[in-house]
Amino acid sequence: MLKKTIIKYAFIHAVGAAAYIALIATLLSYASKIFGPANNSILGAMAFLLVFVISAAIMGLLILGKPAFWYLDGLKREAISLLFYTLGFLVLIAVVVFLILLIF
């Protein structure tokens, strides 16, 4: 498989993960405005934990899904490359986010 294709997949997966993280962060930021105050209800804690578990599953699929399939299909070197390129793009996105936080 071409290195260019692996990098393209990694970029798409990292941007997808960052977009999902931004969506969940927005939801959590405006949760009290959207859903009202929690009133110490167990439902608020349950909702948060459900979102947490679902998010872990989605992130696992986005970051580890295709590399796992490739690895099991015998494309071991490509799978490892995809995983590390994806993580590299995520680190780059994190650095950009932290720089924006520092500047503004």
PDB file of N, CA and C in Angstrom:
ATOM      1  N   MET A   1       0.843  -1.173   0.000  1.00  0.00           N
ATOM      2  CA  MET A   1       0.000   0.000   0.000  1.00  0.00           C
ATOM      3  C   MET A   1       0.890   1.238   0.000  1.00  0.00           C
ATOM      4  N   LEU A   2       0.458   2.260  -0.680  1.00  0.00           N
ATOM      5  CA  LEU A   2       1.236   3.480  -0.787  1.00  0.00           C
ATOM      6  C   LEU A   2       1.255   4.262   0.520  1.00  0.00           C
ATOM      7  N   LYS A   3       2.402   4.855   0.812  1.00  0.00           N
ATOM      8  CA  LYS A   3       2.543   5.664   2.018  1.00  0.00           C
ATOM      9  C   LYS A   3       1.578   6.848   1.983  1.00  0.00           C
ATOM     10  N   LYS A   4       1.354   7.383   0.780  1.00  0.00           N
ATOM     11  CA  LYS A   4       0.447   8.522   0.611  1.00  0.00           C
ATOM     12  C   LYS A   4      -0.977   8.153   1.034  1.00  0.00           C
ATOM     13  N   THR A   5      -1.412   6.959   0.698  1.00  0.00           N
ATOM     14  CA  THR A   5      -2.750   6.488   1.068  1.00  0.00           C
ATOM     15  C   THR A   5      -2.860   6.312   2.573  1.00  0.00           C
ATOM     16  N   ILE A   6      -1.826   5.776   3.188  1.00  0.00           N
ATOM     17  CA  ILE A   6      -1.823   5.583   4.638  1.00  0.00           C
ATOM     18  C   ILE A   6      -1.909   6.932   5.342  1.00  0.00           C
ATOM     19  N   ILE A   7      -1.147   7.904   4.877  1.00  0.00           N
ATOM     20  CA  ILE A   7      -1.169   9.236   5.481  1.00  0.00           C
ATOM     21  C   ILE A   7      -2.541   9.876   5.302  1.00  0.00           C
ATOM     22  N   LYS A   8      -3.167   9.669   4.145  1.00  0.00           N
ATOM     23  CA  LYS A   8      -4.508  10.219   3.910  1.00  0.00           C
ATOM     24  C   LYS A   8      -5.511   9.623   4.891  1.00  0.00           C
ATOM     25  N   TYR A   9      -5.489   8.307   5.058  1.00  0.00           N
ATOM     26  CA  TYR A   9      -6.378   7.653   6.027  1.00  0.00           C
ATOM     27  C   TYR A   9      -6.118   8.175   7.441  1.00  0.00           C
ATOM     28  N   ALA A  10      -4.851   8.308   7.800  1.00  0.00           N
ATOM     29  CA  ALA A  10      -4.495   8.781   9.140  1.00  0.00           C
ATOM     30  C   ALA A  10      -5.027  10.190   9.377  1.00  0.00           C
ATOM     31  N   PHE A  11      -4.880  11.051   8.387  1.00  0.00           N
ATOM     32  CA  PHE A  11      -5.367  12.428   8.516  1.00  0.00           C
ATOM     33  C   PHE A  11      -6.882  12.453   8.672  1.00  0.00           C
ATOM     34  N   ILE A  12      -7.581  11.672   7.862  1.00  0.00           N
ATOM     35  CA  ILE A  12      -9.047  11.617   7.941  1.00  0.00           C
ATOM     36  C   ILE A  12      -9.491  11.101   9.304  1.00  0.00           C
ATOM     37  N   HIS A  13      -8.840  10.067   9.803  1.00  0.00           N
ATOM     38  CA  HIS A  13      -9.201   9.516  11.113  1.00  0.00           C
ATOM     39  C   HIS A  13      -8.927  10.520  12.229  1.00  0.00           C
ATOM     40  N   ALA A  14      -7.798  11.209  12.166  1.00  0.00           N
ATOM     41  CA  ALA A  14      -7.455  12.184  13.206  1.00  0.00           C
ATOM     42  C   ALA A  14      -8.410  13.373  13.185  1.00  0.00           C
ATOM     43  N   VAL A  15      -8.735  13.860  12.004  1.00  0.00           N
ATOM     44  CA  VAL A  15      -9.679  14.977  11.903  1.00  0.00           C
ATOM     45  C   VAL A  15     -11.069  14.536  12.360  1.00  0.00           C
ATOM     46  N   GLY A  16     -11.460  13.322  12.015  1.00  0.00           N
ATOM     47  CA  GLY A  16     -12.741  12.793  12.491  1.00  0.00           C
ATOM     48  C   GLY A  16     -12.778  12.697  14.005  1.00  0.00           C
ATOM     49  N   ALA A  17     -11.697  12.233  14.597  1.00  0.00           N
ATOM     50  CA  ALA A  17     -11.619  12.137  16.058  1.00  0.00           C
ATOM     51  C   ALA A  17     -11.671  13.528  16.685  1.00  0.00           C
ATOM     52  N   ALA A  18     -10.941  14.477  16.116  1.00  0.00           N
ATOM     53  CA  ALA A  18     -10.941  15.838  16.653  1.00  0.00           C
ATOM     54  C   ALA A  18     -12.319  16.483  16.520  1.00  0.00           C
ATOM     55  N   ALA A  19     -12.993  16.231  15.412  1.00  0.00           N
ATOM     56  CA  ALA A  19     -14.344  16.772  15.229  1.00  0.00           C
ATOM     57  C   ALA A  19     -15.308  16.175  16.248  1.00  0.00           C
ATOM     58  N   TYR A  20     -15.204  14.882  16.486  1.00  0.00           N
ATOM     59  CA  TYR A  20     -16.065  14.239  17.480  1.00  0.00           C
ATOM     60  C   TYR A  20     -15.767  14.788  18.877  1.00  0.00           C
ATOM     61  N   ILE A  21     -14.498  14.973  19.193  1.00  0.00           N
ATOM     62  CA  ILE A  21     -14.115  15.535  20.488  1.00  0.00           C
ATOM     63  C   ILE A  21     -14.679  16.948  20.633  1.00  0.00           C
ATOM     64  N   ALA A  22     -14.598  17.750  19.570  1.00  0.00           N
ATOM     65  CA  ALA A  22     -15.151  19.107  19.610  1.00  0.00           C
ATOM     66  C   ALA A  22     -16.661  19.075  19.820  1.00  0.00           C
ATOM     67  N   LEU A  23     -17.332  18.136  19.177  1.00  0.00           N
ATOM     68  CA  LEU A  23     -18.782  17.998  19.337  1.00  0.00           C
ATOM     69  C   LEU A  23     -19.142  17.653  20.780  1.00  0.00           C
ATOM     70  N   ILE A  24     -18.452  16.697  21.366  1.00  0.00           N
ATOM     71  CA  ILE A  24     -18.728  16.293  22.749  1.00  0.00           C
ATOM     72  C   ILE A  24     -18.358  17.417  23.717  1.00  0.00           C
ATOM     73  N   ALA A  25     -17.252  18.119  23.462  1.00  0.00           N
ATOM     74  CA  ALA A  25     -16.864  19.237  24.326  1.00  0.00           C
ATOM     75  C   ALA A  25     -17.916  20.342  24.284  1.00  0.00           C
ATOM     76  N   THR A  26     -18.455  20.605  23.104  1.00  0.00           N
ATOM     77  CA  THR A  26     -19.522  21.597  22.978  1.00  0.00           C
ATOM     78  C   THR A  26     -20.761  21.148  23.728  1.00  0.00           C
ATOM     79  N   LEU A  27     -21.122  19.884  23.580  1.00  0.00           N
ATOM     80  CA  LEU A  27     -22.280  19.341  24.295  1.00  0.00           C
ATOM     81  C   LEU A  27     -22.099  19.477  25.803  1.00  0.00           C
ATOM     82  N   LEU A  28     -20.920  19.136  26.310  1.00  0.00           N
ATOM     83  CA  LEU A  28     -20.669  19.234  27.744  1.00  0.00           C
ATOM     84  C   LEU A  28     -20.641  20.685  28.224  1.00  0.00           C
ATOM     85  N   SER A  29     -20.141  21.596  27.384  1.00  0.00           N
ATOM     86  CA  SER A  29     -20.088  23.005  27.764  1.00  0.00           C
ATOM     87  C   SER A  29     -21.481  23.610  27.915  1.00  0.00           C
ATOM     88  N   TYR A  30     -22.397  23.183  27.052  1.00  0.00           N
ATOM     89  CA  TYR A  30     -23.744  23.745  27.060  1.00  0.00           C
ATOM     90  C   TYR A  30     -24.780  22.799  27.654  1.00  0.00           C
ATOM     91  N   ALA A  31     -24.342  21.766  28.347  1.00  0.00           N
ATOM     92  CA  ALA A  31     -25.273  20.755  28.862  1.00  0.00           C
ATOM     93  C   ALA A  31     -26.300  21.345  29.811  1.00  0.00           C
ATOM     94  N   SER A  32     -25.873  22.225  30.707  1.00  0.00           N
ATOM     95  CA  SER A  32     -26.834  22.781  31.670  1.00  0.00           C
ATOM     96  C   SER A  32     -27.840  23.694  30.987  1.00  0.00           C
ATOM     97  N   LYS A  33     -27.432  24.363  29.904  1.00  0.00           N
ATOM     98  CA  LYS A  33     -28.369  25.210  29.162  1.00  0.00           C
ATOM     99  C   LYS A  33     -29.330  24.364  28.334  1.00  0.00           C
ATOM    100  N   ILE A  34     -28.832  23.257  27.795  1.00  0.00           N
ATOM    101  CA  ILE A  34     -29.661  22.400  26.947  1.00  0.00           C
ATOM    102  C   ILE A  34     -30.614  21.562  27.780  1.00  0.00           C
ATOM    103  N   PHE A  35     -30.087  20.933  28.832  1.00  0.00           N
ATOM    104  CA  PHE A  35     -30.875  19.973  29.601  1.00  0.00           C
ATOM    105  C   PHE A  35     -31.385  20.520  30.926  1.00  0.00           C
ATOM    106  N   GLY A  36     -30.941  21.702  31.314  1.00  0.00           N
ATOM    107  CA  GLY A  36     -31.329  22.256  32.603  1.00  0.00           C
ATOM    108  C   GLY A  36     -30.398  21.768  33.690  1.00  0.00           C
ATOM    109  N   PRO A  37     -30.593  22.281  34.913  1.00  0.00           N
ATOM    110  CA  PRO A  37     -29.713  21.867  36.013  1.00  0.00           C
ATOM    111  C   PRO A  37     -29.897  20.396  36.357  1.00  0.00           C
ATOM    112  N   ALA A  38     -28.832  19.785  36.845  1.00  0.00           N
ATOM    113  CA  ALA A  38     -28.858  18.348  37.137  1.00  0.00           C
ATOM    114  C   ALA A  38     -29.644  18.021  38.396  1.00  0.00           C
ATOM    115  N   ASN A  39     -29.737  18.960  39.344  1.00  0.00           N
ATOM    116  CA  ASN A  39     -30.472  18.745  40.599  1.00  0.00           C
ATOM    117  C   ASN A  39     -30.000  17.503  41.344  1.00  0.00           C
ATOM    118  N   ASN A  40     -28.715  17.234  41.302  1.00  0.00           N
ATOM    119  CA  ASN A  40     -28.129  16.078  41.996  1.00  0.00           C
ATOM    120  C   ASN A  40     -28.823  14.768  41.640  1.00  0.00           C
ATOM    121  N   SER A  41     -29.307  14.676  40.438  1.00  0.00           N
ATOM    122  CA  SER A  41     -29.997  13.472  39.982  1.00  0.00           C
ATOM    123  C   SER A  41     -28.981  12.430  39.533  1.00  0.00           C
ATOM    124  N   ILE A  42     -29.307  11.194  39.772  1.00  0.00           N
ATOM    125  CA  ILE A  42     -28.456  10.098  39.308  1.00  0.00           C
ATOM    126  C   ILE A  42     -28.456  10.029  37.781  1.00  0.00           C
ATOM    127  N   LEU A  43     -29.504  10.566  37.162  1.00  0.00           N
ATOM    128  CA  LEU A  43     -29.585  10.536  35.699  1.00  0.00           C
ATOM    129  C   LEU A  43     -28.484  11.373  35.050  1.00  0.00           C
ATOM    130  N   GLY A  44     -28.097  12.472  35.687  1.00  0.00           N
ATOM    131  CA  GLY A  44     -27.002  13.286  35.154  1.00  0.00           C
ATOM    132  C   GLY A  44     -25.690  12.519  35.133  1.00  0.00           C
ATOM    133  N   ALA A  45     -25.409  11.825  36.223  1.00  0.00           N
ATOM    134  CA  ALA A  45     -24.187  11.014  36.287  1.00  0.00           C
ATOM    135  C   ALA A  45     -24.251   9.866  35.286  1.00  0.00           C
ATOM    136  N   MET A  46     -25.425   9.250  35.166  1.00  0.00           N
ATOM    137  CA  MET A  46     -25.580   8.153  34.199  1.00  0.00           C
ATOM    138  C   MET A  46     -25.378   8.645  32.775  1.00  0.00           C
ATOM    139  N   ALA A  47     -25.952   9.806  32.466  1.00  0.00           N
ATOM    140  CA  ALA A  47     -25.809  10.363  31.119  1.00  0.00           C
ATOM    141  C   ALA A  47     -24.345  10.641  30.811  1.00  0.00           C
ATOM    142  N   PHE A  48     -23.635  11.233  31.769  1.00  0.00           N
ATOM    143  CA  PHE A  48     -22.220  11.525  31.560  1.00  0.00           C
ATOM    144  C   PHE A  48     -21.421  10.249  31.331  1.00  0.00           C
ATOM    145  N   LEU A  49     -21.652   9.242  32.153  1.00  0.00           N
ATOM    146  CA  LEU A  49     -20.912   7.986  32.004  1.00  0.00           C
ATOM    147  C   LEU A  49     -21.264   7.272  30.706  1.00  0.00           C
ATOM    148  N   LEU A  50     -22.520   7.342  30.293  1.00  0.00           N
ATOM    149  CA  LEU A  50     -22.906   6.745  29.010  1.00  0.00           C
ATOM    150  C   LEU A  50     -22.198   7.431  27.849  1.00  0.00           C
ATOM    151  N   VAL A  51     -22.162   8.763  27.880  1.00  0.00           N
ATOM    152  CA  VAL A  51     -21.449   9.498  26.830  1.00  0.00           C
ATOM    153  C   VAL A  51     -19.968   9.139  26.858  1.00  0.00           C
ATOM    154  N   PHE A  52     -19.399   8.992  28.046  1.00  0.00           N
ATOM    155  CA  PHE A  52     -17.988   8.633  28.192  1.00  0.00           C
ATOM    156  C   PHE A  52     -17.696   7.265  27.574  1.00  0.00           C
ATOM    157  N   VAL A  53     -18.527   6.279  27.885  1.00  0.00           N
ATOM    158  CA  VAL A  53     -18.315   4.918  27.373  1.00  0.00           C
ATOM    159  C   VAL A  53     -18.521   4.874  25.862  1.00  0.00           C
ATOM    160  N   ILE A  54     -19.570   5.525  25.378  1.00  0.00           N
ATOM    161  CA  ILE A  54     -19.823   5.555  23.936  1.00  0.00           C
ATOM    162  C   ILE A  54     -18.680   6.273  23.221  1.00  0.00           C
ATOM    163  N   SER A  55     -18.182   7.345  23.809  1.00  0.00           N
ATOM    164  CA  SER A  55     -17.062   8.079  23.212  1.00  0.00           C
ATOM    165  C   SER A  55     -15.803   7.224  23.151  1.00  0.00           C
ATOM    166  N   ALA A  56     -15.552   6.454  24.195  1.00  0.00           N
ATOM    167  CA  ALA A  56     -14.386   5.566  24.186  1.00  0.00           C
ATOM    168  C   ALA A  56     -14.502   4.542  23.062  1.00  0.00           C
ATOM    169  N   ALA A  57     -15.700   4.012  22.857  1.00  0.00           N
ATOM    170  CA  ALA A  57     -15.904   3.036  21.780  1.00  0.00           C
ATOM    171  C   ALA A  57     -15.710   3.684  20.411  1.00  0.00           C
ATOM    172  N   ILE A  58     -16.254   4.883  20.227  1.00  0.00           N
ATOM    173  CA  ILE A  58     -16.123   5.573  18.940  1.00  0.00           C
ATOM    174  C   ILE A  58     -14.663   5.927  18.670  1.00  0.00           C
ATOM    175  N   MET A  59     -13.962   6.430  19.682  1.00  0.00           N
ATOM    176  CA  MET A  59     -12.547   6.758  19.502  1.00  0.00           C
ATOM    177  C   MET A  59     -11.729   5.496  19.223  1.00  0.00           C
ATOM    178  N   GLY A  60     -12.069   4.406  19.885  1.00  0.00           N
ATOM    179  CA  GLY A  60     -11.386   3.143  19.617  1.00  0.00           C
ATOM    180  C   GLY A  60     -11.558   2.707  18.175  1.00  0.00           C
ATOM    181  N   LEU A  61     -12.778   2.853  17.671  1.00  0.00           N
ATOM    182  CA  LEU A  61     -13.023   2.494  16.273  1.00  0.00           C
ATOM    183  C   LEU A  61     -12.288   3.422  15.318  1.00  0.00           C
ATOM    184  N   LEU A  62     -12.335   4.727  15.588  1.00  0.00           N
ATOM    185  CA  LEU A  62     -11.688   5.686  14.691  1.00  0.00           C
ATOM    186  C   LEU A  62     -10.173   5.517  14.662  1.00  0.00           C
ATOM    187  N   ILE A  63      -9.584   5.271  15.817  1.00  0.00           N
ATOM    188  CA  ILE A  63      -8.125   5.241  15.889  1.00  0.00           C
ATOM    189  C   ILE A  63      -7.562   3.833  15.689  1.00  0.00           C
ATOM    190  N   LEU A  64      -8.235   2.829  16.227  1.00  0.00           N
ATOM    191  CA  LEU A  64      -7.693   1.468  16.186  1.00  0.00           C
ATOM    192  C   LEU A  64      -8.394   0.540  15.201  1.00  0.00           C
ATOM    193  N   GLY A  65      -9.560   0.925  14.702  1.00  0.00           N
ATOM    194  CA  GLY A  65     -10.353   0.025  13.868  1.00  0.00           C
ATOM    195  C   GLY A  65      -9.655  -0.445  12.606  1.00  0.00           C
ATOM    196  N   LYS A  66      -9.327   0.499  11.731  1.00  0.00           N
ATOM    197  CA  LYS A  66      -8.693   0.128  10.460  1.00  0.00           C
ATOM    198  C   LYS A  66      -7.313  -0.496  10.668  1.00  0.00           C
ATOM    199  N   PRO A  67      -6.469   0.036  11.585  1.00  0.00           N
ATOM    200  CA  PRO A  67      -5.196  -0.653  11.818  1.00  0.00           C
ATOM    201  C   PRO A  67      -5.378  -2.099  12.289  1.00  0.00           C
ATOM    202  N   ALA A  68      -6.384  -2.354  13.115  1.00  0.00           N
ATOM    203  CA  ALA A  68      -6.620  -3.727  13.582  1.00  0.00           C
ATOM    204  C   ALA A  68      -7.025  -4.627  12.420  1.00  0.00           C
ATOM    205  N   PHE A  69      -7.918  -4.133  11.559  1.00  0.00           N
ATOM    206  CA  PHE A  69      -8.322  -4.927  10.396  1.00  0.00           C
ATOM    207  C   PHE A  69      -7.141  -5.187   9.474  1.00  0.00           C
ATOM    208  N   TRP A  70      -6.346  -4.161   9.224  1.00  0.00           N
ATOM    209  CA  TRP A  70      -5.185  -4.340   8.360  1.00  0.00           C
ATOM    210  C   TRP A  70      -4.204  -5.332   8.973  1.00  0.00           C
ATOM    211  N   TYR A  71      -3.985  -5.223  10.270  1.00  0.00           N
ATOM    212  CA  TYR A  71      -3.058  -6.128  10.946  1.00  0.00           C
ATOM    213  C   TYR A  71      -3.531  -7.573  10.818  1.00  0.00           C
ATOM    214  N   LEU A  72      -4.819  -7.793  11.039  1.00  0.00           N
ATOM    215  CA  LEU A  72      -5.372  -9.146  10.937  1.00  0.00           C
ATOM    216  C   LEU A  72      -5.378  -9.662   9.498  1.00  0.00           C
ATOM    217  N   ASP A  73      -5.412  -8.738   8.525  1.00  0.00           N
ATOM    218  CA  ASP A  73      -5.360  -9.132   7.113  1.00  0.00           C
ATOM    219  C   ASP A  73      -3.933  -9.345   6.620  1.00  0.00           C
ATOM    220  N   GLY A  74      -2.963  -9.210   7.510  1.00  0.00           N
ATOM    221  CA  GLY A  74      -1.578  -9.448   7.126  1.00  0.00           C
ATOM    222  C   GLY A  74      -0.812  -8.200   6.740  1.00  0.00           C
ATOM    223  N   LEU A  75      -1.448  -7.047   6.769  1.00  0.00           N
ATOM    224  CA  LEU A  75      -0.777  -5.791   6.431  1.00  0.00           C
ATOM    225  C   LEU A  75      -0.207  -5.165   7.708  1.00  0.00           C
ATOM    226  N   LYS A  76       0.699  -5.888   8.344  1.00  0.00           N
ATOM    227  CA  LYS A  76       1.186  -5.484   9.666  1.00  0.00           C
ATOM    228  C   LYS A  76       1.952  -4.168   9.629  1.00  0.00           C
ATOM    229  N   ARG A  77       2.860  -4.033   8.702  1.00  0.00           N
ATOM    230  CA  ARG A  77       3.656  -2.804   8.616  1.00  0.00           C
ATOM    231  C   ARG A  77       2.757  -1.599   8.325  1.00  0.00           C
ATOM    232  N   GLU A  78       1.798  -1.760   7.425  1.00  0.00           N
ATOM    233  CA  GLU A  78       0.877  -0.677   7.088  1.00  0.00           C
ATOM    234  C   GLU A  78      -0.011  -0.321   8.275  1.00  0.00           C
ATOM    235  N   ALA A  79      -0.438  -1.340   9.022  1.00  0.00           N
ATOM    236  CA  ALA A  79      -1.295  -1.108  10.188  1.00  0.00           C
ATOM    237  C   ALA A  79      -0.567  -0.286  11.249  1.00  0.00           C
ATOM    238  N   ILE A  80       0.676  -0.647  11.510  1.00  0.00           N
ATOM    239  CA  ILE A  80       1.463   0.091  12.504  1.00  0.00           C
ATOM    240  C   ILE A  80       1.711   1.514  12.023  1.00  0.00           C
ATOM    241  N   SER A  81       2.010   1.670  10.739  1.00  0.00           N
ATOM    242  CA  SER A  81       2.222   3.009  10.179  1.00  0.00           C
ATOM    243  C   SER A  81       0.966   3.858  10.310  1.00  0.00           C
ATOM    244  N   LEU A  82      -0.185   3.285   9.963  1.00  0.00           N
ATOM    245  CA  LEU A  82      -1.441   4.028  10.059  1.00  0.00           C
ATOM    246  C   LEU A  82      -1.700   4.468  11.497  1.00  0.00           C
ATOM    247  N   LEU A  83      -1.491   3.574  12.441  1.00  0.00           N
ATOM    248  CA  LEU A  83      -1.712   3.910  13.848  1.00  0.00           C
ATOM    249  C   LEU A  83      -0.815   5.064  14.282  1.00  0.00           C
ATOM    250  N   PHE A  84       0.469   5.001  13.942  1.00  0.00           N
ATOM    251  CA  PHE A  84       1.389   6.045  14.383  1.00  0.00           C
ATOM    252  C   PHE A  84       1.177   7.360  13.641  1.00  0.00           C
ATOM    253  N   TYR A  85       0.836   7.303  12.360  1.00  0.00           N
ATOM    254  CA  TYR A  85       0.510   8.541  11.647  1.00  0.00           C
ATOM    255  C   TYR A  85      -0.750   9.177  12.226  1.00  0.00           C
ATOM    256  N   THR A  86      -1.744   8.368  12.559  1.00  0.00           N
ATOM    257  CA  THR A  86      -2.967   8.899  13.162  1.00  0.00           C
ATOM    258  C   THR A  86      -2.654   9.563  14.495  1.00  0.00           C
ATOM    259  N   LEU A  87      -1.875   8.890  15.327  1.00  0.00           N
ATOM    260  CA  LEU A  87      -1.490   9.478  16.612  1.00  0.00           C
ATOM    261  C   LEU A  87      -0.667  10.749  16.414  1.00  0.00           C
ATOM    262  N   GLY A  88       0.187  10.752  15.409  1.00  0.00           N
ATOM    263  CA  GLY A  88       0.973  11.949  15.113  1.00  0.00           C
ATOM    264  C   GLY A  88       0.098  13.125  14.725  1.00  0.00           C
ATOM    265  N   PHE A  89      -0.894  12.875  13.872  1.00  0.00           N
ATOM    266  CA  PHE A  89      -1.820  13.946  13.496  1.00  0.00           C
ATOM    267  C   PHE A  89      -2.627  14.420  14.705  1.00  0.00           C
ATOM    268  N   LEU A  90      -3.013  13.497  15.590  1.00  0.00           N
ATOM    269  CA  LEU A  90      -3.740  13.895  16.801  1.00  0.00           C
ATOM    270  C   LEU A  90      -2.864  14.763  17.706  1.00  0.00           C
ATOM    271  N   VAL A  91      -1.596  14.412  17.829  1.00  0.00           N
ATOM    272  CA  VAL A  91      -0.675  15.235  18.622  1.00  0.00           C
ATOM    273  C   VAL A  91      -0.541  16.614  17.992  1.00  0.00           C
ATOM    274  N   LEU A  92      -0.433  16.673  16.680  1.00  0.00           N
ATOM    275  CA  LEU A  92      -0.340  17.954  15.981  1.00  0.00           C
ATOM    276  C   LEU A  92      -1.592  18.799  16.225  1.00  0.00           C
ATOM    277  N   ILE A  93      -2.763  18.186  16.155  1.00  0.00           N
ATOM    278  CA  ILE A  93      -4.017  18.899  16.424  1.00  0.00           C
ATOM    279  C   ILE A  93      -4.039  19.389  17.869  1.00  0.00           C
ATOM    280  N   ALA A  94      -3.589  18.557  18.799  1.00  0.00           N
ATOM    281  CA  ALA A  94      -3.551  18.955  20.213  1.00  0.00           C
ATOM    282  C   ALA A  94      -2.615  20.143  20.422  1.00  0.00           C
ATOM    283  N   VAL A  95      -1.465  20.131  19.769  1.00  0.00           N
ATOM    284  CA  VAL A  95      -0.524  21.248  19.885  1.00  0.00           C
ATOM    285  C   VAL A  95      -1.164  22.527  19.360  1.00  0.00           C
ATOM    286  N   VAL A  96      -1.850  22.446  18.235  1.00  0.00           N
ATOM    287  CA  VAL A  96      -2.530  23.622  17.676  1.00  0.00           C
ATOM    288  C   VAL A  96      -3.588  24.136  18.649  1.00  0.00           C
ATOM    289  N   VAL A  97      -4.371  23.235  19.231  1.00  0.00           N
ATOM    290  CA  VAL A  97      -5.401  23.642  20.191  1.00  0.00           C
ATOM    291  C   VAL A  97      -4.762  24.323  21.398  1.00  0.00           C
ATOM    292  N   PHE A  98      -3.693  23.751  21.942  1.00  0.00           N
ATOM    293  CA  PHE A  98      -3.036  24.358  23.101  1.00  0.00           C
ATOM    294  C   PHE A  98      -2.401  25.701  22.750  1.00  0.00           C
ATOM    295  N   LEU A  99      -1.844  25.830  21.548  1.00  0.00           N
ATOM    296  CA  LEU A  99      -1.300  27.126  21.128  1.00  0.00           C
ATOM    297  C   LEU A  99      -2.399  28.170  21.025  1.00  0.00           C
ATOM    298  N   ILE A 100      -3.548  27.783  20.500  1.00  0.00           N
ATOM    299  CA  ILE A 100      -4.683  28.711  20.424  1.00  0.00           C
ATOM    300  C   ILE A 100      -5.111  29.129  21.827  1.00  0.00           C
ATOM    301  N   LEU A 101      -5.146  28.181  22.753  1.00  0.00           N
ATOM    302  CA  LEU A 101      -5.499  28.513  24.141  1.00  0.00           C
ATOM    303  C   LEU A 101      -4.482  29.465  24.768  1.00  0.00           C
ATOM    304  N   LEU A 102      -3.210  29.277  24.464  1.00  0.00           N
ATOM    305  CA  LEU A 102      -2.176  30.157  25.009  1.00  0.00           C
ATOM    306  C   LEU A 102      -2.254  31.562  24.426  1.00  0.00           C
ATOM    307  N   ILE A 103      -2.550  31.649  23.146  1.00  0.00           N
ATOM    308  CA  ILE A 103      -2.582  32.944  22.466  1.00  0.00           C
ATOM    309  C   ILE A 103      -3.825  33.734  22.847  1.00  0.00           C
ATOM    310  N   PHE A 104      -4.961  33.061  22.905  1.00  0.00           N
ATOM    311  CA  PHE A 104      -6.216  33.765  23.187  1.00  0.00           C
ATOM    312  C   PHE A 104      -6.589  33.481  24.583  1.00  0.00           C
TER     313      PHE A 104
END
